[in-house]
Amino acid sequence: MNAIKPAFANVHNFLHFILLPNCIESFDAQEQNTNDTTRRDEHRHMFNAVVGLDSAVDHAFSAKPRKISFERYRDELIAREPVLGKLREVANALKHCVTRDTPAKPRPNAADVSQLTINVDVGLSEGGTLITKVDLTTEFLLDAKKTVEEAFRFWLAYAQKLDTDGPV
């Protein structure tokens, strides 16, 4: 019975008690923090979602004995679901801050996942008073939001299949 086992006990529980709630919190943070132009809270939730989504591959692999290596399992899964490969790139950039790349295959670093923009508007009031307005905005790059949403849908369908088929 999965319900009484700890959250990390198996892939079913990891998906239902850790991963999917982290993703939903990330989606909620995107909608709730519209006044936070730095998006730091949103970034924290995005990090948790990305790392969890990437870790789901390890949990799925470990769910049952396999005759293939983890690397082969991961590569076959990414071949079926290319978004998981994109997600892995974003996760590695966030987790390791600086990734090792080659000229033939450049990889993103943590700073590449979001970009801060500063807009300064300077003007004069009717009375001649200087008015300065500064806006900071942060945007996610590398299609990070879209990648998280697509990977979430994949793991949600996987979790629903586990619910239907029973434990692996």
N, C-alpha and C. Protein backbone atom coordinates (compact mmCIF):
# COMPACT_ATOMS: atom_id res chain seq x y z
N MET A 1 0.85 -1.17 0.00
CA MET A 1 0.00 0.00 0.00
C MET A 1 0.89 1.24 0.00
N ASN A 2 0.82 2.02 -1.07
CA ASN A 2 1.68 3.19 -1.23
C ASN A 2 1.36 4.32 -0.27
N ALA A 3 0.10 4.45 0.12
CA ALA A 3 -0.32 5.59 0.93
C ALA A 3 0.37 5.67 2.29
N ILE A 4 0.76 4.55 2.86
CA ILE A 4 1.39 4.60 4.18
C ILE A 4 2.91 4.56 4.10
N LYS A 5 3.46 4.42 2.89
CA LYS A 5 4.91 4.43 2.72
C LYS A 5 5.39 5.88 2.65
N PRO A 6 6.67 6.13 3.01
CA PRO A 6 7.20 7.50 2.93
C PRO A 6 7.20 8.05 1.50
N ALA A 7 7.34 9.34 1.40
CA ALA A 7 7.27 10.02 0.11
C ALA A 7 8.35 9.55 -0.87
N PHE A 8 9.50 9.15 -0.36
CA PHE A 8 10.58 8.72 -1.25
C PHE A 8 10.67 7.19 -1.38
N ALA A 9 9.67 6.48 -0.89
CA ALA A 9 9.72 5.02 -0.86
C ALA A 9 9.68 4.37 -2.24
N ASN A 10 8.99 5.00 -3.17
CA ASN A 10 8.87 4.42 -4.51
C ASN A 10 8.53 5.54 -5.50
N VAL A 11 8.55 5.21 -6.77
CA VAL A 11 8.32 6.22 -7.79
C VAL A 11 6.90 6.79 -7.69
N HIS A 12 5.92 5.97 -7.38
CA HIS A 12 4.54 6.45 -7.23
C HIS A 12 4.47 7.55 -6.19
N ASN A 13 5.00 7.28 -5.02
CA ASN A 13 4.93 8.28 -3.95
C ASN A 13 5.77 9.50 -4.25
N PHE A 14 6.93 9.31 -4.85
CA PHE A 14 7.76 10.46 -5.22
C PHE A 14 6.98 11.38 -6.16
N LEU A 15 6.33 10.80 -7.15
CA LEU A 15 5.57 11.61 -8.10
C LEU A 15 4.41 12.32 -7.42
N HIS A 16 3.65 11.59 -6.61
CA HIS A 16 2.44 12.16 -6.01
C HIS A 16 2.69 13.09 -4.83
N PHE A 17 3.71 12.81 -4.04
CA PHE A 17 3.91 13.59 -2.80
C PHE A 17 5.03 14.62 -2.87
N ILE A 18 5.91 14.49 -3.85
CA ILE A 18 7.02 15.43 -3.97
C ILE A 18 6.94 16.20 -5.30
N LEU A 19 7.07 15.47 -6.38
CA LEU A 19 7.23 16.10 -7.69
C LEU A 19 6.01 16.91 -8.13
N LEU A 20 4.87 16.28 -8.23
CA LEU A 20 3.70 16.99 -8.75
C LEU A 20 3.31 18.18 -7.87
N PRO A 21 3.32 18.05 -6.53
CA PRO A 21 3.04 19.24 -5.70
C PRO A 21 4.08 20.36 -5.90
N ASN A 22 5.37 20.01 -6.06
CA ASN A 22 6.38 21.04 -6.31
C ASN A 22 6.08 21.79 -7.61
N CYS A 23 5.68 21.07 -8.64
CA CYS A 23 5.36 21.70 -9.92
C CYS A 23 4.14 22.62 -9.77
N ILE A 24 3.12 22.15 -9.10
CA ILE A 24 1.92 22.96 -8.91
C ILE A 24 2.25 24.22 -8.12
N GLU A 25 3.10 24.10 -7.09
CA GLU A 25 3.53 25.29 -6.35
C GLU A 25 4.29 26.25 -7.26
N SER A 26 5.08 25.72 -8.17
CA SER A 26 5.80 26.57 -9.11
C SER A 26 4.84 27.31 -10.03
N PHE A 27 3.84 26.60 -10.54
CA PHE A 27 2.85 27.25 -11.40
C PHE A 27 2.08 28.31 -10.63
N ASP A 28 1.71 28.01 -9.38
CA ASP A 28 1.00 28.97 -8.54
C ASP A 28 1.86 30.21 -8.27
N ALA A 29 3.16 29.99 -8.03
CA ALA A 29 4.07 31.11 -7.75
C ALA A 29 4.15 32.05 -8.95
N GLN A 30 4.06 31.52 -10.15
CA GLN A 30 4.09 32.35 -11.35
C GLN A 30 2.90 33.30 -11.38
N GLU A 31 1.75 32.81 -10.92
CA GLU A 31 0.53 33.62 -10.95
C GLU A 31 0.40 34.54 -9.74
N GLN A 32 0.92 34.12 -8.58
CA GLN A 32 0.71 34.87 -7.34
C GLN A 32 1.70 36.00 -7.13
N ASN A 33 2.86 35.91 -7.69
CA ASN A 33 3.91 36.88 -7.39
C ASN A 33 4.08 37.90 -8.52
N THR A 34 2.99 38.38 -9.06
CA THR A 34 3.09 39.30 -10.19
C THR A 34 3.70 40.65 -9.79
N ASN A 35 3.65 41.02 -8.51
CA ASN A 35 4.25 42.29 -8.08
C ASN A 35 5.74 42.17 -7.79
N ASP A 36 6.26 40.97 -7.70
CA ASP A 36 7.68 40.76 -7.43
C ASP A 36 8.42 40.72 -8.76
N THR A 37 8.93 41.86 -9.20
CA THR A 37 9.59 41.91 -10.49
C THR A 37 10.91 41.16 -10.51
N THR A 38 11.51 40.90 -9.35
CA THR A 38 12.75 40.12 -9.31
C THR A 38 12.46 38.63 -9.48
N ARG A 39 11.25 38.22 -9.16
CA ARG A 39 10.78 36.84 -9.29
C ARG A 39 11.61 35.83 -8.49
N ARG A 40 12.19 36.27 -7.40
CA ARG A 40 13.04 35.37 -6.61
C ARG A 40 12.26 34.20 -6.04
N ASP A 41 11.06 34.45 -5.52
CA ASP A 41 10.26 33.36 -4.98
C ASP A 41 9.86 32.41 -6.10
N GLU A 42 9.50 32.97 -7.22
CA GLU A 42 9.16 32.15 -8.39
C GLU A 42 10.36 31.31 -8.83
N HIS A 43 11.55 31.89 -8.79
CA HIS A 43 12.77 31.15 -9.15
C HIS A 43 13.02 29.98 -8.21
N ARG A 44 12.76 30.19 -6.93
CA ARG A 44 12.95 29.11 -5.94
C ARG A 44 12.00 27.96 -6.25
N HIS A 45 10.76 28.28 -6.52
CA HIS A 45 9.79 27.24 -6.86
C HIS A 45 10.14 26.58 -8.19
N MET A 46 10.59 27.37 -9.16
CA MET A 46 10.99 26.82 -10.46
C MET A 46 12.16 25.85 -10.27
N PHE A 47 13.14 26.22 -9.44
CA PHE A 47 14.28 25.35 -9.18
C PHE A 47 13.80 24.01 -8.62
N ASN A 48 12.92 24.06 -7.61
CA ASN A 48 12.41 22.82 -7.02
C ASN A 48 11.69 21.97 -8.05
N ALA A 49 10.90 22.59 -8.90
CA ALA A 49 10.17 21.84 -9.93
C ALA A 49 11.13 21.23 -10.94
N VAL A 50 12.10 22.00 -11.40
CA VAL A 50 13.05 21.51 -12.41
C VAL A 50 13.87 20.35 -11.87
N VAL A 51 14.40 20.51 -10.67
CA VAL A 51 15.23 19.44 -10.09
C VAL A 51 14.39 18.20 -9.83
N GLY A 52 13.18 18.37 -9.35
CA GLY A 52 12.30 17.23 -9.13
C GLY A 52 11.94 16.52 -10.42
N LEU A 53 11.59 17.28 -11.45
CA LEU A 53 11.25 16.69 -12.74
C LEU A 53 12.43 15.92 -13.31
N ASP A 54 13.62 16.47 -13.17
CA ASP A 54 14.81 15.78 -13.67
C ASP A 54 15.10 14.51 -12.85
N SER A 55 14.87 14.57 -11.54
CA SER A 55 15.11 13.42 -10.67
C SER A 55 14.12 12.29 -10.91
N ALA A 56 12.98 12.60 -11.49
CA ALA A 56 11.97 11.57 -11.73
C ALA A 56 12.50 10.47 -12.63
N VAL A 57 13.41 10.79 -13.52
CA VAL A 57 14.01 9.77 -14.40
C VAL A 57 14.72 8.73 -13.54
N ASP A 58 15.48 9.19 -12.55
CA ASP A 58 16.20 8.27 -11.66
C ASP A 58 15.23 7.40 -10.88
N HIS A 59 14.16 8.00 -10.38
CA HIS A 59 13.17 7.25 -9.61
C HIS A 59 12.46 6.21 -10.47
N ALA A 60 12.12 6.59 -11.71
CA ALA A 60 11.46 5.64 -12.61
C ALA A 60 12.40 4.48 -12.95
N PHE A 61 13.66 4.79 -13.19
CA PHE A 61 14.64 3.74 -13.50
C PHE A 61 14.78 2.77 -12.33
N SER A 62 14.83 3.30 -11.13
CA SER A 62 15.04 2.47 -9.94
C SER A 62 13.79 1.75 -9.46
N ALA A 63 12.67 2.00 -10.10
CA ALA A 63 11.40 1.42 -9.66
C ALA A 63 11.36 -0.10 -9.81
N LYS A 64 12.14 -0.61 -10.75
CA LYS A 64 12.16 -2.07 -10.94
C LYS A 64 13.51 -2.47 -11.51
N PRO A 65 13.88 -3.73 -11.34
CA PRO A 65 15.16 -4.20 -11.90
C PRO A 65 15.15 -4.07 -13.42
N ARG A 66 16.27 -3.65 -13.96
CA ARG A 66 16.39 -3.48 -15.41
C ARG A 66 17.67 -4.14 -15.89
N LYS A 67 17.64 -4.53 -17.15
CA LYS A 67 18.82 -5.17 -17.74
C LYS A 67 19.65 -4.19 -18.55
N ILE A 68 19.26 -2.94 -18.52
CA ILE A 68 20.03 -1.91 -19.23
C ILE A 68 20.59 -0.93 -18.22
N SER A 69 21.59 -0.16 -18.64
CA SER A 69 22.19 0.84 -17.75
C SER A 69 21.27 2.03 -17.61
N PHE A 70 21.51 2.80 -16.55
CA PHE A 70 20.73 4.02 -16.35
C PHE A 70 20.89 4.94 -17.56
N GLU A 71 22.12 5.09 -18.05
CA GLU A 71 22.38 5.99 -19.17
C GLU A 71 21.56 5.59 -20.39
N ARG A 72 21.51 4.29 -20.67
CA ARG A 72 20.72 3.83 -21.82
C ARG A 72 19.23 4.08 -21.58
N TYR A 73 18.75 3.79 -20.38
CA TYR A 73 17.34 4.05 -20.03
C TYR A 73 17.02 5.53 -20.24
N ARG A 74 17.87 6.39 -19.69
CA ARG A 74 17.66 7.84 -19.80
C ARG A 74 17.65 8.26 -21.26
N ASP A 75 18.62 7.79 -22.04
CA ASP A 75 18.70 8.17 -23.45
C ASP A 75 17.48 7.70 -24.24
N GLU A 76 16.99 6.49 -23.95
CA GLU A 76 15.80 5.98 -24.63
C GLU A 76 14.57 6.78 -24.23
N LEU A 77 14.48 7.15 -22.97
CA LEU A 77 13.35 7.96 -22.50
C LEU A 77 13.38 9.33 -23.16
N ILE A 78 14.55 9.94 -23.25
CA ILE A 78 14.69 11.25 -23.88
C ILE A 78 14.39 11.16 -25.38
N ALA A 79 14.75 10.05 -26.00
CA ALA A 79 14.42 9.87 -27.43
C ALA A 79 12.90 9.84 -27.62
N ARG A 80 12.18 9.23 -26.67
CA ARG A 80 10.71 9.20 -26.74
C ARG A 80 10.09 10.53 -26.34
N GLU A 81 10.69 11.18 -25.35
CA GLU A 81 10.18 12.46 -24.82
C GLU A 81 11.30 13.49 -24.83
N PRO A 82 11.56 14.13 -25.98
CA PRO A 82 12.68 15.08 -26.09
C PRO A 82 12.67 16.20 -25.05
N VAL A 83 11.48 16.57 -24.53
CA VAL A 83 11.42 17.63 -23.53
C VAL A 83 12.23 17.26 -22.29
N LEU A 84 12.35 15.97 -22.00
CA LEU A 84 13.13 15.55 -20.83
C LEU A 84 14.62 15.84 -21.02
N GLY A 85 15.08 15.83 -22.26
CA GLY A 85 16.46 16.22 -22.55
C GLY A 85 16.66 17.72 -22.35
N LYS A 86 15.68 18.51 -22.82
CA LYS A 86 15.76 19.96 -22.61
C LYS A 86 15.72 20.27 -21.12
N LEU A 87 14.85 19.56 -20.41
CA LEU A 87 14.74 19.77 -18.98
C LEU A 87 16.06 19.44 -18.28
N ARG A 88 16.71 18.38 -18.70
CA ARG A 88 17.99 17.99 -18.11
C ARG A 88 19.01 19.11 -18.27
N GLU A 89 19.02 19.76 -19.43
CA GLU A 89 19.95 20.88 -19.65
C GLU A 89 19.65 22.03 -18.69
N VAL A 90 18.38 22.38 -18.53
CA VAL A 90 18.00 23.45 -17.60
C VAL A 90 18.36 23.04 -16.18
N ALA A 91 18.05 21.79 -15.80
CA ALA A 91 18.34 21.31 -14.44
C ALA A 91 19.84 21.35 -14.16
N ASN A 92 20.63 20.89 -15.10
CA ASN A 92 22.08 20.90 -14.89
C ASN A 92 22.62 22.31 -14.78
N ALA A 93 22.08 23.23 -15.56
CA ALA A 93 22.50 24.63 -15.46
C ALA A 93 22.18 25.18 -14.08
N LEU A 94 20.98 24.89 -13.58
CA LEU A 94 20.58 25.40 -12.28
C LEU A 94 21.32 24.71 -11.13
N LYS A 95 21.49 23.41 -11.22
CA LYS A 95 22.12 22.66 -10.12
C LYS A 95 23.61 22.93 -10.02
N HIS A 96 24.27 23.04 -11.15
CA HIS A 96 25.73 23.13 -11.14
C HIS A 96 26.25 24.54 -11.38
N CYS A 97 25.38 25.47 -11.62
CA CYS A 97 25.70 26.87 -11.83
C CYS A 97 26.50 27.07 -13.11
N VAL A 98 27.62 26.38 -13.26
CA VAL A 98 28.44 26.47 -14.46
C VAL A 98 28.60 25.05 -15.00
N THR A 99 28.16 24.86 -16.22
CA THR A 99 28.26 23.53 -16.82
C THR A 99 29.50 23.45 -17.70
N ARG A 100 29.96 22.26 -17.86
CA ARG A 100 31.12 22.04 -18.73
C ARG A 100 30.59 21.80 -20.14
N ASP A 101 30.99 22.66 -21.03
CA ASP A 101 30.54 22.49 -22.40
C ASP A 101 31.75 22.39 -23.32
N THR A 102 31.47 22.14 -24.56
CA THR A 102 32.50 22.09 -25.59
C THR A 102 32.08 23.05 -26.69
N PRO A 103 33.02 23.49 -27.51
CA PRO A 103 32.63 24.39 -28.60
C PRO A 103 31.56 23.78 -29.51
N ALA A 104 31.61 22.47 -29.67
CA ALA A 104 30.64 21.80 -30.54
C ALA A 104 29.27 21.69 -29.86
N LYS A 105 29.26 21.65 -28.53
CA LYS A 105 27.99 21.50 -27.82
C LYS A 105 27.97 22.42 -26.60
N PRO A 106 27.70 23.71 -26.82
CA PRO A 106 27.64 24.62 -25.68
C PRO A 106 26.42 24.31 -24.81
N ARG A 107 26.59 24.45 -23.52
CA ARG A 107 25.50 24.19 -22.57
C ARG A 107 25.24 25.45 -21.76
N PRO A 108 23.98 25.62 -21.33
CA PRO A 108 23.65 26.82 -20.56
C PRO A 108 24.19 26.76 -19.13
N ASN A 109 24.46 27.93 -18.59
CA ASN A 109 24.82 28.08 -17.18
C ASN A 109 23.63 28.64 -16.43
N ALA A 110 23.69 28.65 -15.11
CA ALA A 110 22.56 29.13 -14.31
C ALA A 110 22.15 30.54 -14.71
N ALA A 111 23.12 31.40 -14.96
CA ALA A 111 22.80 32.78 -15.32
C ALA A 111 22.07 32.87 -16.65
N ASP A 112 22.14 31.81 -17.46
CA ASP A 112 21.46 31.81 -18.76
C ASP A 112 19.98 31.48 -18.66
N VAL A 113 19.52 31.03 -17.49
CA VAL A 113 18.13 30.59 -17.35
C VAL A 113 17.18 31.76 -17.16
N SER A 114 17.67 32.85 -16.59
CA SER A 114 16.82 34.03 -16.46
C SER A 114 17.65 35.28 -16.72
N GLN A 115 16.95 36.35 -17.08
CA GLN A 115 17.63 37.59 -17.41
C GLN A 115 16.94 38.74 -16.71
N LEU A 116 17.72 39.57 -16.04
CA LEU A 116 17.21 40.76 -15.37
C LEU A 116 17.30 41.94 -16.32
N THR A 117 16.21 42.68 -16.43
CA THR A 117 16.18 43.89 -17.25
C THR A 117 15.85 45.07 -16.36
N ILE A 118 16.60 46.13 -16.52
CA ILE A 118 16.37 47.35 -15.75
C ILE A 118 15.91 48.43 -16.72
N ASN A 119 14.74 49.00 -16.46
CA ASN A 119 14.21 50.09 -17.27
C ASN A 119 14.18 51.34 -16.41
N VAL A 120 14.79 52.40 -16.89
CA VAL A 120 14.81 53.67 -16.17
C VAL A 120 14.11 54.72 -17.03
N ASP A 121 13.15 55.40 -16.42
CA ASP A 121 12.41 56.45 -17.10
C ASP A 121 12.63 57.74 -16.31
N VAL A 122 13.20 58.73 -16.96
CA VAL A 122 13.48 60.01 -16.31
C VAL A 122 12.68 61.10 -17.03
N GLY A 123 12.02 61.94 -16.24
CA GLY A 123 11.24 63.02 -16.82
C GLY A 123 11.09 64.16 -15.84
N LEU A 124 10.40 65.17 -16.28
CA LEU A 124 10.13 66.35 -15.45
C LEU A 124 8.63 66.50 -15.24
N SER A 125 8.26 66.87 -14.02
CA SER A 125 6.86 67.16 -13.75
C SER A 125 6.54 68.55 -14.30
N GLU A 126 5.26 68.93 -14.25
CA GLU A 126 4.88 70.26 -14.73
C GLU A 126 5.57 71.36 -13.94
N GLY A 127 5.88 71.08 -12.67
CA GLY A 127 6.54 72.06 -11.84
C GLY A 127 8.06 72.05 -11.98
N GLY A 128 8.59 71.22 -12.83
CA GLY A 128 10.03 71.17 -13.06
C GLY A 128 10.77 70.21 -12.14
N THR A 129 10.03 69.39 -11.38
CA THR A 129 10.66 68.42 -10.50
C THR A 129 11.07 67.20 -11.32
N LEU A 130 12.27 66.73 -11.04
CA LEU A 130 12.79 65.55 -11.72
C LEU A 130 12.05 64.30 -11.21
N ILE A 131 11.54 63.51 -12.14
CA ILE A 131 10.84 62.27 -11.79
C ILE A 131 11.63 61.11 -12.39
N THR A 132 11.99 60.18 -11.52
CA THR A 132 12.72 58.99 -11.97
C THR A 132 11.95 57.75 -11.57
N LYS A 133 11.76 56.88 -12.53
CA LYS A 133 11.07 55.62 -12.27
C LYS A 133 11.97 54.48 -12.74
N VAL A 134 12.20 53.51 -11.84
CA VAL A 134 13.04 52.37 -12.17
C VAL A 134 12.21 51.10 -12.04
N ASP A 135 12.21 50.29 -13.08
CA ASP A 135 11.51 49.00 -13.06
C ASP A 135 12.51 47.89 -13.31
N LEU A 136 12.42 46.86 -12.48
CA LEU A 136 13.22 45.65 -12.66
C LEU A 136 12.29 44.53 -13.08
N THR A 137 12.66 43.82 -14.11
CA THR A 137 11.87 42.65 -14.52
C THR A 137 12.82 41.50 -14.80
N THR A 138 12.34 40.32 -14.52
CA THR A 138 13.12 39.12 -14.80
C THR A 138 12.29 38.22 -15.69
N GLU A 139 12.91 37.73 -16.72
CA GLU A 139 12.25 36.81 -17.63
C GLU A 139 13.01 35.49 -17.66
N PHE A 140 12.26 34.40 -17.73
CA PHE A 140 12.90 33.10 -17.89
C PHE A 140 13.29 32.92 -19.35
N LEU A 141 14.45 32.34 -19.55
CA LEU A 141 14.95 32.08 -20.89
C LEU A 141 14.95 30.57 -21.15
N LEU A 142 15.48 30.18 -22.28
CA LEU A 142 15.62 28.78 -22.66
C LEU A 142 14.28 28.05 -22.67
N ASP A 143 13.19 28.78 -22.84
CA ASP A 143 11.86 28.17 -22.78
C ASP A 143 11.66 27.39 -21.49
N ALA A 144 12.24 27.86 -20.39
CA ALA A 144 12.19 27.13 -19.12
C ALA A 144 10.76 26.86 -18.67
N LYS A 145 9.90 27.85 -18.73
CA LYS A 145 8.51 27.65 -18.28
C LYS A 145 7.82 26.59 -19.13
N LYS A 146 7.95 26.72 -20.43
CA LYS A 146 7.31 25.77 -21.35
C LYS A 146 7.88 24.37 -21.13
N THR A 147 9.17 24.27 -20.95
CA THR A 147 9.82 22.98 -20.72
C THR A 147 9.30 22.34 -19.45
N VAL A 148 9.18 23.11 -18.37
CA VAL A 148 8.65 22.58 -17.11
C VAL A 148 7.21 22.12 -17.30
N GLU A 149 6.41 22.90 -17.99
CA GLU A 149 5.01 22.52 -18.21
C GLU A 149 4.90 21.22 -19.00
N GLU A 150 5.71 21.07 -20.05
CA GLU A 150 5.65 19.85 -20.86
C GLU A 150 6.15 18.64 -20.08
N ALA A 151 7.23 18.82 -19.33
CA ALA A 151 7.75 17.71 -18.52
C ALA A 151 6.75 17.34 -17.42
N PHE A 152 6.09 18.33 -16.85
CA PHE A 152 5.06 18.07 -15.84
C PHE A 152 3.95 17.20 -16.44
N ARG A 153 3.49 17.56 -17.63
CA ARG A 153 2.42 16.78 -18.27
C ARG A 153 2.86 15.33 -18.50
N PHE A 154 4.12 15.13 -18.90
CA PHE A 154 4.62 13.77 -19.10
C PHE A 154 4.58 12.98 -17.79
N TRP A 155 5.13 13.56 -16.71
CA TRP A 155 5.19 12.83 -15.44
C TRP A 155 3.81 12.71 -14.79
N LEU A 156 2.92 13.64 -15.05
CA LEU A 156 1.55 13.51 -14.57
C LEU A 156 0.88 12.30 -15.24
N ALA A 157 1.05 12.17 -16.55
CA ALA A 157 0.48 11.02 -17.26
C ALA A 157 1.11 9.72 -16.76
N TYR A 158 2.40 9.75 -16.49
CA TYR A 158 3.10 8.57 -15.95
C TYR A 158 2.52 8.20 -14.59
N ALA A 159 2.30 9.20 -13.75
CA ALA A 159 1.72 8.96 -12.41
C ALA A 159 0.31 8.41 -12.52
N GLN A 160 -0.46 8.94 -13.43
CA GLN A 160 -1.83 8.46 -13.62
C GLN A 160 -1.82 7.01 -14.11
N LYS A 161 -0.86 6.68 -14.95
CA LYS A 161 -0.74 5.29 -15.42
C LYS A 161 -0.39 4.37 -14.25
N LEU A 162 0.49 4.84 -13.36
CA LEU A 162 0.81 4.04 -12.17
C LEU A 162 -0.43 3.83 -11.30
N ASP A 163 -1.26 4.86 -11.20
CA ASP A 163 -2.50 4.75 -10.42
C ASP A 163 -3.42 3.70 -11.03
N THR A 164 -3.47 3.65 -12.35
CA THR A 164 -4.34 2.72 -13.04
C THR A 164 -3.77 1.31 -13.05
N ASP A 165 -2.49 1.20 -13.34
CA ASP A 165 -1.86 -0.13 -13.50
C ASP A 165 -1.38 -0.74 -12.19
N GLY A 166 -1.22 0.06 -11.18
CA GLY A 166 -0.68 -0.43 -9.91
C GLY A 166 0.81 -0.23 -9.85
N PRO A 167 1.43 -0.58 -8.72
CA PRO A 167 2.87 -0.34 -8.54
C PRO A 167 3.70 -1.13 -9.54
N VAL A 168 4.85 -0.53 -9.87
CA VAL A 168 5.78 -1.21 -10.79
C VAL A 168 6.67 -2.16 -10.04
